[in-house]
PDB file of N, CA and C in Angstrom:
ATOM      1  N   MET A   1     211.721 224.502 143.259  1.00  0.00           N
ATOM      2  CA  MET A   1     213.169 224.117 142.532  1.00  0.00           C
ATOM      3  C   MET A   1     212.468 223.685 141.510  1.00  0.00           C
ATOM      4  N   ALA A   2     211.263 223.166 141.035  1.00  0.00           N
ATOM      5  CA  ALA A   2     211.370 222.270 139.761  1.00  0.00           C
ATOM      6  C   ALA A   2     211.624 223.339 138.880  1.00  0.00           C
ATOM      7  N   THR A   3     212.568 222.365 137.557  1.00  0.00           N
ATOM      8  CA  THR A   3     212.449 223.458 136.850  1.00  0.00           C
ATOM      9  C   THR A   3     212.258 222.355 135.581  1.00  0.00           C
ATOM     10  N   ALA A   4     212.246 222.417 134.290  1.00  0.00           N
ATOM     11  CA  ALA A   4     211.763 221.983 133.565  1.00  0.00           C
ATOM     12  C   ALA A   4     212.843 221.003 132.848  1.00  0.00           C
ATOM     13  N   ALA A   5     212.711 219.115 132.858  1.00  0.00           N
ATOM     14  CA  ALA A   5     213.549 218.567 132.581  1.00  0.00           C
ATOM     15  C   ALA A   5     214.029 218.799 131.216  1.00  0.00           C
ATOM     16  N   ARG A   6     215.333 218.584 130.426  1.00  0.00           N
ATOM     17  CA  ARG A   6     215.477 218.446 129.438  1.00  0.00           C
ATOM     18  C   ARG A   6     216.254 217.795 128.963  1.00  0.00           C
ATOM     19  N   THR A   7     216.178 217.557 127.916  1.00  0.00           N
ATOM     20  CA  THR A   7     217.240 216.285 126.910  1.00  0.00           C
ATOM     21  C   THR A   7     218.213 216.470 126.131  1.00  0.00           C
ATOM     22  N   PHE A   8     219.217 216.424 126.786  1.00  0.00           N
ATOM     23  CA  PHE A   8     220.906 216.376 126.674  1.00  0.00           C
ATOM     24  C   PHE A   8     221.549 215.468 125.758  1.00  0.00           C
ATOM     25  N   GLN A   9     222.726 216.117 125.306  1.00  0.00           N
ATOM     26  CA  GLN A   9     223.672 215.134 124.311  1.00  0.00           C
ATOM     27  C   GLN A   9     225.069 215.496 124.691  1.00  0.00           C
ATOM     28  N   ASN A  10     225.726 214.385 123.999  1.00  0.00           N
ATOM     29  CA  ASN A  10     227.240 214.690 124.141  1.00  0.00           C
ATOM     30  C   ASN A  10     227.730 215.778 123.352  1.00  0.00           C
ATOM     31  N   PHE A  11     228.775 216.001 123.938  1.00  0.00           N
ATOM     32  CA  PHE A  11     229.578 217.077 123.293  1.00  0.00           C
ATOM     33  C   PHE A  11     230.930 216.697 122.414  1.00  0.00           C
ATOM     34  N   ILE A  12     230.877 216.103 121.244  1.00  0.00           N
ATOM     35  CA  ILE A  12     232.091 215.270 120.320  1.00  0.00           C
ATOM     36  C   ILE A  12     232.307 216.139 119.660  1.00  0.00           C
ATOM     37  N   GLY A  13     233.436 216.154 119.292  1.00  0.00           N
ATOM     38  CA  GLY A  13     234.099 216.954 118.157  1.00  0.00           C
ATOM     39  C   GLY A  13     233.377 218.629 118.078  1.00  0.00           C
ATOM     40  N   GLY A  14     233.104 219.299 119.084  1.00  0.00           N
ATOM     41  CA  GLY A  14     232.908 220.654 118.874  1.00  0.00           C
ATOM     42  C   GLY A  14     231.366 220.406 117.991  1.00  0.00           C
ATOM     43  N   GLU A  15     230.787 219.556 118.274  1.00  0.00           N
ATOM     44  CA  GLU A  15     228.791 218.892 118.041  1.00  0.00           C
ATOM     45  C   GLU A  15     228.357 218.472 119.015  1.00  0.00           C
ATOM     46  N   TRP A  16     227.110 219.247 119.304  1.00  0.00           N
ATOM     47  CA  TRP A  16     226.096 217.736 120.254  1.00  0.00           C
ATOM     48  C   TRP A  16     225.231 216.865 119.753  1.00  0.00           C
ATOM     49  N   VAL A  17     226.222 215.319 120.014  1.00  0.00           N
ATOM     50  CA  VAL A  17     225.421 214.166 118.800  1.00  0.00           C
ATOM     51  C   VAL A  17     224.930 213.616 120.044  1.00  0.00           C
ATOM     52  N   ASP A  18     223.679 212.602 119.699  1.00  0.00           N
ATOM     53  CA  ASP A  18     223.197 211.679 120.311  1.00  0.00           C
ATOM     54  C   ASP A  18     224.283 210.322 120.565  1.00  0.00           C
ATOM     55  N   ALA A  19     223.631 209.624 121.405  1.00  0.00           N
ATOM     56  CA  ALA A  19     225.010 208.471 121.414  1.00  0.00           C
ATOM     57  C   ALA A  19     224.780 207.478 120.419  1.00  0.00           C
ATOM     58  N   ALA A  20     225.536 206.871 119.900  1.00  0.00           N
ATOM     59  CA  ALA A  20     225.937 206.422 118.486  1.00  0.00           C
ATOM     60  C   ALA A  20     224.693 205.161 118.509  1.00  0.00           C
ATOM     61  N   ALA A  21     224.319 204.258 119.777  1.00  0.00           N
ATOM     62  CA  ALA A  21     223.650 203.839 119.229  1.00  0.00           C
ATOM     63  C   ALA A  21     221.768 204.464 119.546  1.00  0.00           C
ATOM     64  N   GLY A  22     221.650 205.494 119.628  1.00  0.00           N
ATOM     65  CA  GLY A  22     220.509 206.223 119.958  1.00  0.00           C
ATOM     66  C   GLY A  22     219.933 206.005 121.093  1.00  0.00           C
ATOM     67  N   GLU A  23     220.305 205.287 122.147  1.00  0.00           N
ATOM     68  CA  GLU A  23     219.463 205.061 123.538  1.00  0.00           C
ATOM     69  C   GLU A  23     219.857 206.399 124.447  1.00  0.00           C
ATOM     70  N   THR A  24     218.655 206.212 125.293  1.00  0.00           N
ATOM     71  CA  THR A  24     218.693 207.375 126.440  1.00  0.00           C
ATOM     72  C   THR A  24     218.515 206.695 127.674  1.00  0.00           C
ATOM     73  N   PHE A  25     218.679 207.539 128.385  1.00  0.00           N
ATOM     74  CA  PHE A  25     218.082 206.832 130.184  1.00  0.00           C
ATOM     75  C   PHE A  25     217.266 207.894 130.684  1.00  0.00           C
ATOM     76  N   ASP A  26     216.516 207.936 131.462  1.00  0.00           N
ATOM     77  CA  ASP A  26     215.922 209.526 132.149  1.00  0.00           C
ATOM     78  C   ASP A  26     217.126 209.049 133.777  1.00  0.00           C
ATOM     79  N   SER A  27     217.305 210.412 134.057  1.00  0.00           N
ATOM     80  CA  SER A  27     217.665 210.694 135.277  1.00  0.00           C
ATOM     81  C   SER A  27     216.306 211.183 136.204  1.00  0.00           C
ATOM     82  N   LEU A  28     216.515 210.274 137.561  1.00  0.00           N
ATOM     83  CA  LEU A  28     215.722 211.047 138.351  1.00  0.00           C
ATOM     84  C   LEU A  28     216.117 211.665 139.881  1.00  0.00           C
ATOM     85  N   SER A  29     215.744 212.377 140.658  1.00  0.00           N
ATOM     86  CA  SER A  29     215.945 212.825 141.806  1.00  0.00           C
ATOM     87  C   SER A  29     215.617 211.669 142.755  1.00  0.00           C
ATOM     88  N   PRO A  30     216.409 211.111 143.560  1.00  0.00           N
ATOM     89  CA  PRO A  30     216.398 210.125 144.346  1.00  0.00           C
ATOM     90  C   PRO A  30     215.288 210.891 145.463  1.00  0.00           C
ATOM     91  N   ALA A  31     215.106 211.990 145.762  1.00  0.00           N
ATOM     92  CA  ALA A  31     214.506 212.636 147.276  1.00  0.00           C
ATOM     93  C   ALA A  31     213.107 212.665 146.891  1.00  0.00           C
ATOM     94  N   THR A  32     212.423 212.880 145.529  1.00  0.00           N
ATOM     95  CA  THR A  32     211.425 213.198 145.207  1.00  0.00           C
ATOM     96  C   THR A  32     211.086 212.424 143.654  1.00  0.00           C
ATOM     97  N   GLY A  33     211.589 211.958 143.036  1.00  0.00           N
ATOM     98  CA  GLY A  33     211.174 211.162 141.836  1.00  0.00           C
ATOM     99  C   GLY A  33     211.556 212.128 140.336  1.00  0.00           C
ATOM    100  N   GLU A  34     211.363 212.840 140.632  1.00  0.00           N
ATOM    101  CA  GLU A  34     211.050 214.077 139.516  1.00  0.00           C
ATOM    102  C   GLU A  34     211.822 213.938 138.782  1.00  0.00           C
ATOM    103  N   ARG A  35     212.026 213.961 137.011  1.00  0.00           N
ATOM    104  CA  ARG A  35     212.561 213.438 136.128  1.00  0.00           C
ATOM    105  C   ARG A  35     213.628 214.611 136.193  1.00  0.00           C
ATOM    106  N   ILE A  36     214.922 214.348 136.049  1.00  0.00           N
ATOM    107  CA  ILE A  36     216.190 215.740 136.252  1.00  0.00           C
ATOM    108  C   ILE A  36     216.503 216.017 134.813  1.00  0.00           C
ATOM    109  N   GLY A  37     216.227 214.823 133.549  1.00  0.00           N
ATOM    110  CA  GLY A  37     216.451 215.029 132.358  1.00  0.00           C
ATOM    111  C   GLY A  37     216.837 213.610 131.742  1.00  0.00           C
ATOM    112  N   THR A  38     216.907 213.867 130.179  1.00  0.00           N
ATOM    113  CA  THR A  38     217.464 212.365 129.468  1.00  0.00           C
ATOM    114  C   THR A  38     218.364 212.340 129.121  1.00  0.00           C
ATOM    115  N   PHE A  39     219.170 211.778 128.907  1.00  0.00           N
ATOM    116  CA  PHE A  39     220.798 211.752 128.706  1.00  0.00           C
ATOM    117  C   PHE A  39     221.230 210.575 127.680  1.00  0.00           C
ATOM    118  N   PRO A  40     222.046 210.636 127.192  1.00  0.00           N
ATOM    119  CA  PRO A  40     221.924 209.827 125.825  1.00  0.00           C
ATOM    120  C   PRO A  40     222.971 208.531 126.787  1.00  0.00           C
ATOM    121  N   LYS A  41     222.888 207.208 126.074  1.00  0.00           N
ATOM    122  CA  LYS A  41     223.387 206.134 126.687  1.00  0.00           C
ATOM    123  C   LYS A  41     224.220 205.947 125.853  1.00  0.00           C
ATOM    124  N   SER A  42     225.939 206.602 126.256  1.00  0.00           N
ATOM    125  CA  SER A  42     227.022 206.386 125.875  1.00  0.00           C
ATOM    126  C   SER A  42     227.395 204.816 125.790  1.00  0.00           C
ATOM    127  N   GLY A  43     227.840 204.313 124.780  1.00  0.00           N
ATOM    128  CA  GLY A  43     228.649 203.078 125.116  1.00  0.00           C
ATOM    129  C   GLY A  43     230.114 203.400 123.931  1.00  0.00           C
ATOM    130  N   PRO A  44     230.931 202.125 123.966  1.00  0.00           N
ATOM    131  CA  PRO A  44     231.990 201.804 123.499  1.00  0.00           C
ATOM    132  C   PRO A  44     232.207 203.053 121.890  1.00  0.00           C
ATOM    133  N   ASP A  45     231.572 203.412 121.420  1.00  0.00           N
ATOM    134  CA  ASP A  45     231.412 203.741 119.938  1.00  0.00           C
ATOM    135  C   ASP A  45     231.701 205.278 120.271  1.00  0.00           C
ATOM    136  N   ASP A  46     230.563 205.786 121.106  1.00  0.00           N
ATOM    137  CA  ASP A  46     230.800 206.728 121.442  1.00  0.00           C
ATOM    138  C   ASP A  46     231.633 207.263 122.575  1.00  0.00           C
ATOM    139  N   VAL A  47     232.952 206.633 123.590  1.00  0.00           N
ATOM    140  CA  VAL A  47     233.952 206.896 123.869  1.00  0.00           C
ATOM    141  C   VAL A  47     234.919 206.866 122.755  1.00  0.00           C
ATOM    142  N   ASP A  48     234.830 206.062 121.886  1.00  0.00           N
ATOM    143  CA  ASP A  48     236.398 206.019 121.157  1.00  0.00           C
ATOM    144  C   ASP A  48     236.259 207.364 119.899  1.00  0.00           C
ATOM    145  N   ARG A  49     235.063 207.553 119.759  1.00  0.00           N
ATOM    146  CA  ARG A  49     234.460 208.872 118.929  1.00  0.00           C
ATOM    147  C   ARG A  49     234.971 210.302 119.368  1.00  0.00           C
ATOM    148  N   ALA A  50     234.807 210.069 120.711  1.00  0.00           N
ATOM    149  CA  ALA A  50     235.335 211.296 121.854  1.00  0.00           C
ATOM    150  C   ALA A  50     236.927 211.181 121.829  1.00  0.00           C
ATOM    151  N   VAL A  51     237.470 210.297 121.714  1.00  0.00           N
ATOM    152  CA  VAL A  51     238.609 210.025 122.095  1.00  0.00           C
ATOM    153  C   VAL A  51     239.223 210.832 120.701  1.00  0.00           C
ATOM    154  N   ALA A  52     238.969 209.903 119.749  1.00  0.00           N
ATOM    155  CA  ALA A  52     239.141 210.398 118.279  1.00  0.00           C
ATOM    156  C   ALA A  52     239.461 212.166 118.367  1.00  0.00           C
ATOM    157  N   ALA A  53     238.173 212.702 118.582  1.00  0.00           N
ATOM    158  CA  ALA A  53     238.164 214.204 117.890  1.00  0.00           C
ATOM    159  C   ALA A  53     238.749 214.507 119.465  1.00  0.00           C
ATOM    160  N   ALA A  54     239.553 213.996 120.952  1.00  0.00           N
ATOM    161  CA  ALA A  54     240.014 214.437 121.546  1.00  0.00           C
ATOM    162  C   ALA A  54     241.802 214.620 121.179  1.00  0.00           C
ATOM    163  N   LYS A  55     242.129 213.667 120.281  1.00  0.00           N
ATOM    164  CA  LYS A  55     243.160 213.500 119.672  1.00  0.00           C
ATOM    165  C   LYS A  55     243.109 214.582 118.344  1.00  0.00           C
ATOM    166  N   ASP A  56     242.212 214.778 117.631  1.00  0.00           N
ATOM    167  CA  ASP A  56     242.318 215.847 116.606  1.00  0.00           C
ATOM    168  C   ASP A  56     242.776 217.452 117.049  1.00  0.00           C
ATOM    169  N   ALA A  57     241.857 217.716 118.400  1.00  0.00           N
ATOM    170  CA  ALA A  57     241.879 218.965 119.054  1.00  0.00           C
ATOM    171  C   ALA A  57     243.245 219.047 120.014  1.00  0.00           C
ATOM    172  N   TYR A  58     243.693 218.027 119.845  1.00  0.00           N
ATOM    173  CA  TYR A  58     245.172 218.323 121.199  1.00  0.00           C
ATOM    174  C   TYR A  58     246.121 218.485 119.389  1.00  0.00           C
ATOM    175  N   ALA A  59     245.988 218.401 118.686  1.00  0.00           N
ATOM    176  CA  ALA A  59     246.818 219.004 117.976  1.00  0.00           C
ATOM    177  C   ALA A  59     246.928 220.079 117.312  1.00  0.00           C
ATOM    178  N   SER A  60     245.922 220.839 117.460  1.00  0.00           N
ATOM    179  CA  SER A  60     245.953 222.486 116.923  1.00  0.00           C
ATOM    180  C   SER A  60     245.907 223.112 118.198  1.00  0.00           C
ATOM    181  N   TRP A  61     245.282 222.379 119.526  1.00  0.00           N
ATOM    182  CA  TRP A  61     245.267 223.291 120.684  1.00  0.00           C
ATOM    183  C   TRP A  61     246.689 223.394 121.371  1.00  0.00           C
ATOM    184  N   ARG A  62     247.398 222.217 120.754  1.00  0.00           N
ATOM    185  CA  ARG A  62     249.554 222.545 121.504  1.00  0.00           C
ATOM    186  C   ARG A  62     249.792 223.316 120.863  1.00  0.00           C
ATOM    187  N   LEU A  63     249.617 224.078 119.873  1.00  0.00           N
ATOM    188  CA  LEU A  63     250.309 224.816 118.931  1.00  0.00           C
ATOM    189  C   LEU A  63     249.598 226.275 119.662  1.00  0.00           C
ATOM    190  N   VAL A  64     248.386 226.608 120.550  1.00  0.00           N
ATOM    191  CA  VAL A  64     247.951 227.727 121.072  1.00  0.00           C
ATOM    192  C   VAL A  64     249.162 228.350 121.812  1.00  0.00           C
ATOM    193  N   PRO A  65     250.060 229.028 121.870  1.00  0.00           N
ATOM    194  CA  PRO A  65     250.652 229.576 123.003  1.00  0.00           C
ATOM    195  C   PRO A  65     250.332 229.530 124.204  1.00  0.00           C
ATOM    196  N   ALA A  66     250.742 228.980 125.287  1.00  0.00           N
ATOM    197  CA  ALA A  66     250.262 229.022 126.425  1.00  0.00           C
ATOM    198  C   ALA A  66     249.778 229.965 127.350  1.00  0.00           C
ATOM    199  N   PRO A  67     249.817 231.686 127.227  1.00  0.00           N
ATOM    200  CA  PRO A  67     249.430 232.489 127.626  1.00  0.00           C
ATOM    201  C   PRO A  67     247.836 232.502 127.525  1.00  0.00           C
ATOM    202  N   LYS A  68     247.726 232.234 125.856  1.00  0.00           N
ATOM    203  CA  LYS A  68     246.403 232.254 125.358  1.00  0.00           C
ATOM    204  C   LYS A  68     245.522 230.810 125.980  1.00  0.00           C
ATOM    205  N   ARG A  69     246.269 229.782 126.067  1.00  0.00           N
ATOM    206  CA  ARG A  69     245.479 228.309 126.483  1.00  0.00           C
ATOM    207  C   ARG A  69     245.116 228.809 128.456  1.00  0.00           C
ATOM    208  N   GLY A  70     245.931 230.011 128.886  1.00  0.00           N
ATOM    209  CA  GLY A  70     245.788 230.145 130.776  1.00  0.00           C
ATOM    210  C   GLY A  70     244.330 231.510 130.368  1.00  0.00           C
ATOM    211  N   GLU A  71     244.364 231.792 129.335  1.00  0.00           N
ATOM    212  CA  GLU A  71     243.542 232.850 129.077  1.00  0.00           C
ATOM    213  C   GLU A  71     242.169 232.017 129.111  1.00  0.00           C
ATOM    214  N   ILE A  72     241.820 231.101 128.041  1.00  0.00           N
ATOM    215  CA  ILE A  72     240.563 230.218 127.656  1.00  0.00           C
ATOM    216  C   ILE A  72     240.262 229.456 128.754  1.00  0.00           C
ATOM    217  N   VAL A  73     240.880 228.921 129.822  1.00  0.00           N
ATOM    218  CA  VAL A  73     241.135 228.168 131.208  1.00  0.00           C
ATOM    219  C   VAL A  73     240.534 229.053 132.138  1.00  0.00           C
ATOM    220  N   PHE A  74     241.238 230.451 131.399  1.00  0.00           N
ATOM    221  CA  PHE A  74     240.582 231.340 133.191  1.00  0.00           C
ATOM    222  C   PHE A  74     239.339 232.045 132.550  1.00  0.00           C
ATOM    223  N   ARG A  75     238.780 232.124 131.595  1.00  0.00           N
ATOM    224  CA  ARG A  75     237.308 232.102 131.233  1.00  0.00           C
ATOM    225  C   ARG A  75     236.538 231.030 131.378  1.00  0.00           C
ATOM    226  N   PHE A  76     236.907 229.380 130.979  1.00  0.00           N
ATOM    227  CA  PHE A  76     235.867 228.669 131.660  1.00  0.00           C
ATOM    228  C   PHE A  76     235.680 228.592 132.995  1.00  0.00           C
ATOM    229  N   ALA A  77     236.634 228.720 133.900  1.00  0.00           N
ATOM    230  CA  ALA A  77     236.614 228.959 135.268  1.00  0.00           C
ATOM    231  C   ALA A  77     235.604 229.912 135.702  1.00  0.00           C
ATOM    232  N   ALA A  78     235.726 231.317 135.193  1.00  0.00           N
ATOM    233  CA  ALA A  78     235.203 232.237 135.261  1.00  0.00           C
ATOM    234  C   ALA A  78     233.187 231.981 135.013  1.00  0.00           C
ATOM    235  N   LEU A  79     233.007 231.217 134.113  1.00  0.00           N
ATOM    236  CA  LEU A  79     231.688 230.785 133.476  1.00  0.00           C
ATOM    237  C   LEU A  79     230.972 230.013 134.630  1.00  0.00           C
ATOM    238  N   VAL A  80     232.241 228.925 135.304  1.00  0.00           N
ATOM    239  CA  VAL A  80     231.700 227.990 136.260  1.00  0.00           C
ATOM    240  C   VAL A  80     231.190 228.863 137.480  1.00  0.00           C
ATOM    241  N   GLN A  81     232.105 229.939 137.784  1.00  0.00           N
ATOM    242  CA  GLN A  81     232.099 230.848 138.676  1.00  0.00           C
ATOM    243  C   GLN A  81     230.671 231.581 138.620  1.00  0.00           C
ATOM    244  N   GLU A  82     230.318 231.780 137.581  1.00  0.00           N
ATOM    245  CA  GLU A  82     228.786 232.841 137.361  1.00  0.00           C
ATOM    246  C   GLU A  82     228.042 231.688 137.369  1.00  0.00           C
ATOM    247  N   ALA A  83     227.923 230.099 137.139  1.00  0.00           N
ATOM    248  CA  ALA A  83     226.714 229.402 136.985  1.00  0.00           C
ATOM    249  C   ALA A  83     226.753 228.685 138.460  1.00  0.00           C
ATOM    250  N   LYS A  84     227.386 228.971 139.492  1.00  0.00           N
ATOM    251  CA  LYS A  84     227.875 228.102 140.848  1.00  0.00           C
ATOM    252  C   LYS A  84     226.494 227.802 141.127  1.00  0.00           C
ATOM    253  N   GLN A  85     225.323 228.913 141.226  1.00  0.00           N
ATOM    254  CA  GLN A  85     224.368 228.833 141.549  1.00  0.00           C
ATOM    255  C   GLN A  85     223.488 227.309 140.840  1.00  0.00           C
ATOM    256  N   GLU A  86     222.932 227.601 139.840  1.00  0.00           N
ATOM    257  CA  GLU A  86     222.925 226.636 138.977  1.00  0.00           C
ATOM    258  C   GLU A  86     223.669 225.224 138.748  1.00  0.00           C
ATOM    259  N   LEU A  87     224.384 225.182 139.314  1.00  0.00           N
ATOM    260  CA  LEU A  87     225.114 224.326 139.041  1.00  0.00           C
ATOM    261  C   LEU A  87     224.909 223.453 140.453  1.00  0.00           C
ATOM    262  N   ALA A  88     224.809 223.891 141.483  1.00  0.00           N
ATOM    263  CA  ALA A  88     224.623 223.619 143.221  1.00  0.00           C
ATOM    264  C   ALA A  88     223.289 223.142 142.916  1.00  0.00           C
ATOM    265  N   GLU A  89     222.537 223.899 142.115  1.00  0.00           N
ATOM    266  CA  GLU A  89     220.633 223.597 142.168  1.00  0.00           C
ATOM    267  C   GLU A  89     220.786 222.036 141.777  1.00  0.00           C
ATOM    268  N   LEU A  90     221.853 221.791 140.409  1.00  0.00           N
ATOM    269  CA  LEU A  90     221.314 221.107 139.370  1.00  0.00           C
ATOM    270  C   LEU A  90     221.709 219.355 140.593  1.00  0.00           C
ATOM    271  N   MET A  91     222.432 220.099 141.111  1.00  0.00           N
ATOM    272  CA  MET A  91     223.445 218.371 141.506  1.00  0.00           C
ATOM    273  C   MET A  91     222.300 218.438 142.698  1.00  0.00           C
ATOM    274  N   THR A  92     221.969 219.267 143.460  1.00  0.00           N
ATOM    275  CA  THR A  92     220.773 218.642 144.513  1.00  0.00           C
ATOM    276  C   THR A  92     220.031 218.112 143.729  1.00  0.00           C
ATOM    277  N   ARG A  93     219.515 218.589 142.881  1.00  0.00           N
ATOM    278  CA  ARG A  93     218.622 217.586 142.393  1.00  0.00           C
ATOM    279  C   ARG A  93     218.648 216.372 142.188  1.00  0.00           C
ATOM    280  N   GLU A  94     220.178 216.233 141.453  1.00  0.00           N
ATOM    281  CA  GLU A  94     220.463 215.048 141.318  1.00  0.00           C
ATOM    282  C   GLU A  94     221.055 214.108 142.328  1.00  0.00           C
ATOM    283  N   MET A  95     221.593 214.497 143.546  1.00  0.00           N
ATOM    284  CA  MET A  95     221.768 213.619 144.331  1.00  0.00           C
ATOM    285  C   MET A  95     220.634 213.361 145.574  1.00  0.00           C
ATOM    286  N   GLY A  96     219.973 214.193 145.435  1.00  0.00           N
ATOM    287  CA  GLY A  96     219.127 214.704 146.354  1.00  0.00           C
ATOM    288  C   GLY A  96     219.279 214.988 147.681  1.00  0.00           C
ATOM    289  N   LYS A  97     220.422 215.576 147.816  1.00  0.00           N
ATOM    290  CA  LYS A  97     220.722 216.154 148.994  1.00  0.00           C
ATOM    291  C   LYS A  97     220.318 217.627 149.203  1.00  0.00           C
ATOM    292  N   VAL A  98     220.811 218.243 150.329  1.00  0.00           N
ATOM    293  CA  VAL A  98     220.486 219.397 150.667  1.00  0.00           C
ATOM    294  C   VAL A  98     221.311 220.457 149.974  1.00  0.00           C
ATOM    295  N   LEU A  99     220.601 221.687 149.533  1.00  0.00           N
ATOM    296  CA  LEU A  99     221.569 222.947 148.984  1.00  0.00           C
ATOM    297  C   LEU A  99     223.283 223.296 149.500  1.00  0.00           C
ATOM    298  N   THR A 100     222.809 223.304 150.565  1.00  0.00           N
ATOM    299  CA  THR A 100     223.741 223.467 151.349  1.00  0.00           C
ATOM    300  C   THR A 100     224.718 222.587 151.370  1.00  0.00           C
ATOM    301  N   ALA A 101     224.808 221.741 151.324  1.00  0.00           N
ATOM    302  CA  ALA A 101     225.768 220.575 150.896  1.00  0.00           C
ATOM    303  C   ALA A 101     226.274 220.440 149.245  1.00  0.00           C
ATOM    304  N   ARG A 102     225.756 221.253 148.863  1.00  0.00           N
ATOM    305  CA  ARG A 102     226.304 220.812 147.236  1.00  0.00           C
ATOM    306  C   ARG A 102     226.737 222.561 147.128  1.00  0.00           C
ATOM    307  N   ARG A 103     226.558 223.775 147.769  1.00  0.00           N
ATOM    308  CA  ARG A 103     226.780 224.922 147.277  1.00  0.00           C
ATOM    309  C   ARG A 103     228.707 225.469 147.584  1.00  0.00           C
ATOM    310  N   PRO A 104     229.121 225.360 146.257  1.00  0.00           N
ATOM    311  CA  PRO A 104     230.470 225.568 146.619  1.00  0.00           C
ATOM    312  C   PRO A 104     230.984 226.578 147.902  1.00  0.00           C
ATOM    313  N   ARG A 105     232.194 226.353 149.028  1.00  0.00           N
ATOM    314  CA  ARG A 105     232.482 227.469 150.011  1.00  0.00           C
ATOM    315  C   ARG A 105     233.184 228.179 149.511  1.00  0.00           C
ATOM    316  N   PRO A 106     233.335 229.276 149.994  1.00  0.00           N
ATOM    317  CA  PRO A 106     234.098 230.294 149.673  1.00  0.00           C
ATOM    318  C   PRO A 106     235.873 229.756 150.269  1.00  0.00           C
ATOM    319  N   SER A 107     236.690 230.424 148.946  1.00  0.00           N
ATOM    320  CA  SER A 107     237.766 230.149 149.715  1.00  0.00           C
ATOM    321  C   SER A 107     238.602 230.213 150.730  1.00  0.00           C
ATOM    322  N   CYS A 108     239.208 229.735 151.348  1.00  0.00           N
ATOM    323  CA  CYS A 108     239.724 230.147 152.639  1.00  0.00           C
ATOM    324  C   CYS A 108     241.453 230.726 151.875  1.00  0.00           C
ATOM    325  N   PRO A 109     241.951 231.760 152.713  1.00  0.00           N
ATOM    326  CA  PRO A 109     243.023 231.926 152.491  1.00  0.00           C
ATOM    327  C   PRO A 109     244.020 230.982 152.411  1.00  0.00           C
ATOM    328  N   THR A 110     245.177 231.415 151.891  1.00  0.00           N
ATOM    329  CA  THR A 110     246.255 230.186 152.354  1.00  0.00           C
ATOM    330  C   THR A 110     247.209 230.348 153.331  1.00  0.00           C
ATOM    331  N   SER A 111     247.579 231.747 153.576  1.00  0.00           N
ATOM    332  CA  SER A 111     248.205 231.993 154.768  1.00  0.00           C
ATOM    333  C   SER A 111     247.698 233.057 155.664  1.00  0.00           C
ATOM    334  N   SER A 112     247.889 233.709 156.630  1.00  0.00           N
ATOM    335  CA  SER A 112     247.482 235.067 157.498  1.00  0.00           C
ATOM    336  C   SER A 112     248.344 235.832 157.179  1.00  0.00           C
ATOM    337  N   THR A 113     249.427 235.811 156.560  1.00  0.00           N
ATOM    338  CA  THR A 113     250.920 236.887 156.335  1.00  0.00           C
ATOM    339  C   THR A 113     250.294 237.602 155.257  1.00  0.00           C
TER     340      THR A 113
END
């Protein structure tokens, strides 16, 4: 299941950016010690930037009609569903657990009628 480790950034204001301080850290698999990736070591300045960007985004997002917002959220859910195997494998590497413990289970029906 070994895959190449990646370097990640923060997504703030619609852009991929490094941490304000420029620092990073490596995330290692507790099971194997394998490097999963390099991540930004974010701090208060990054949080402030993200909050300001979210406030700016809200100003236009709130004007999007509810049905359109629903379509966007539904599309995001579909993208997560399409990537569930990849996400389960990544979570498995990060947590050091077996894959079956991280793979989402099928939904159970809410009623039998």
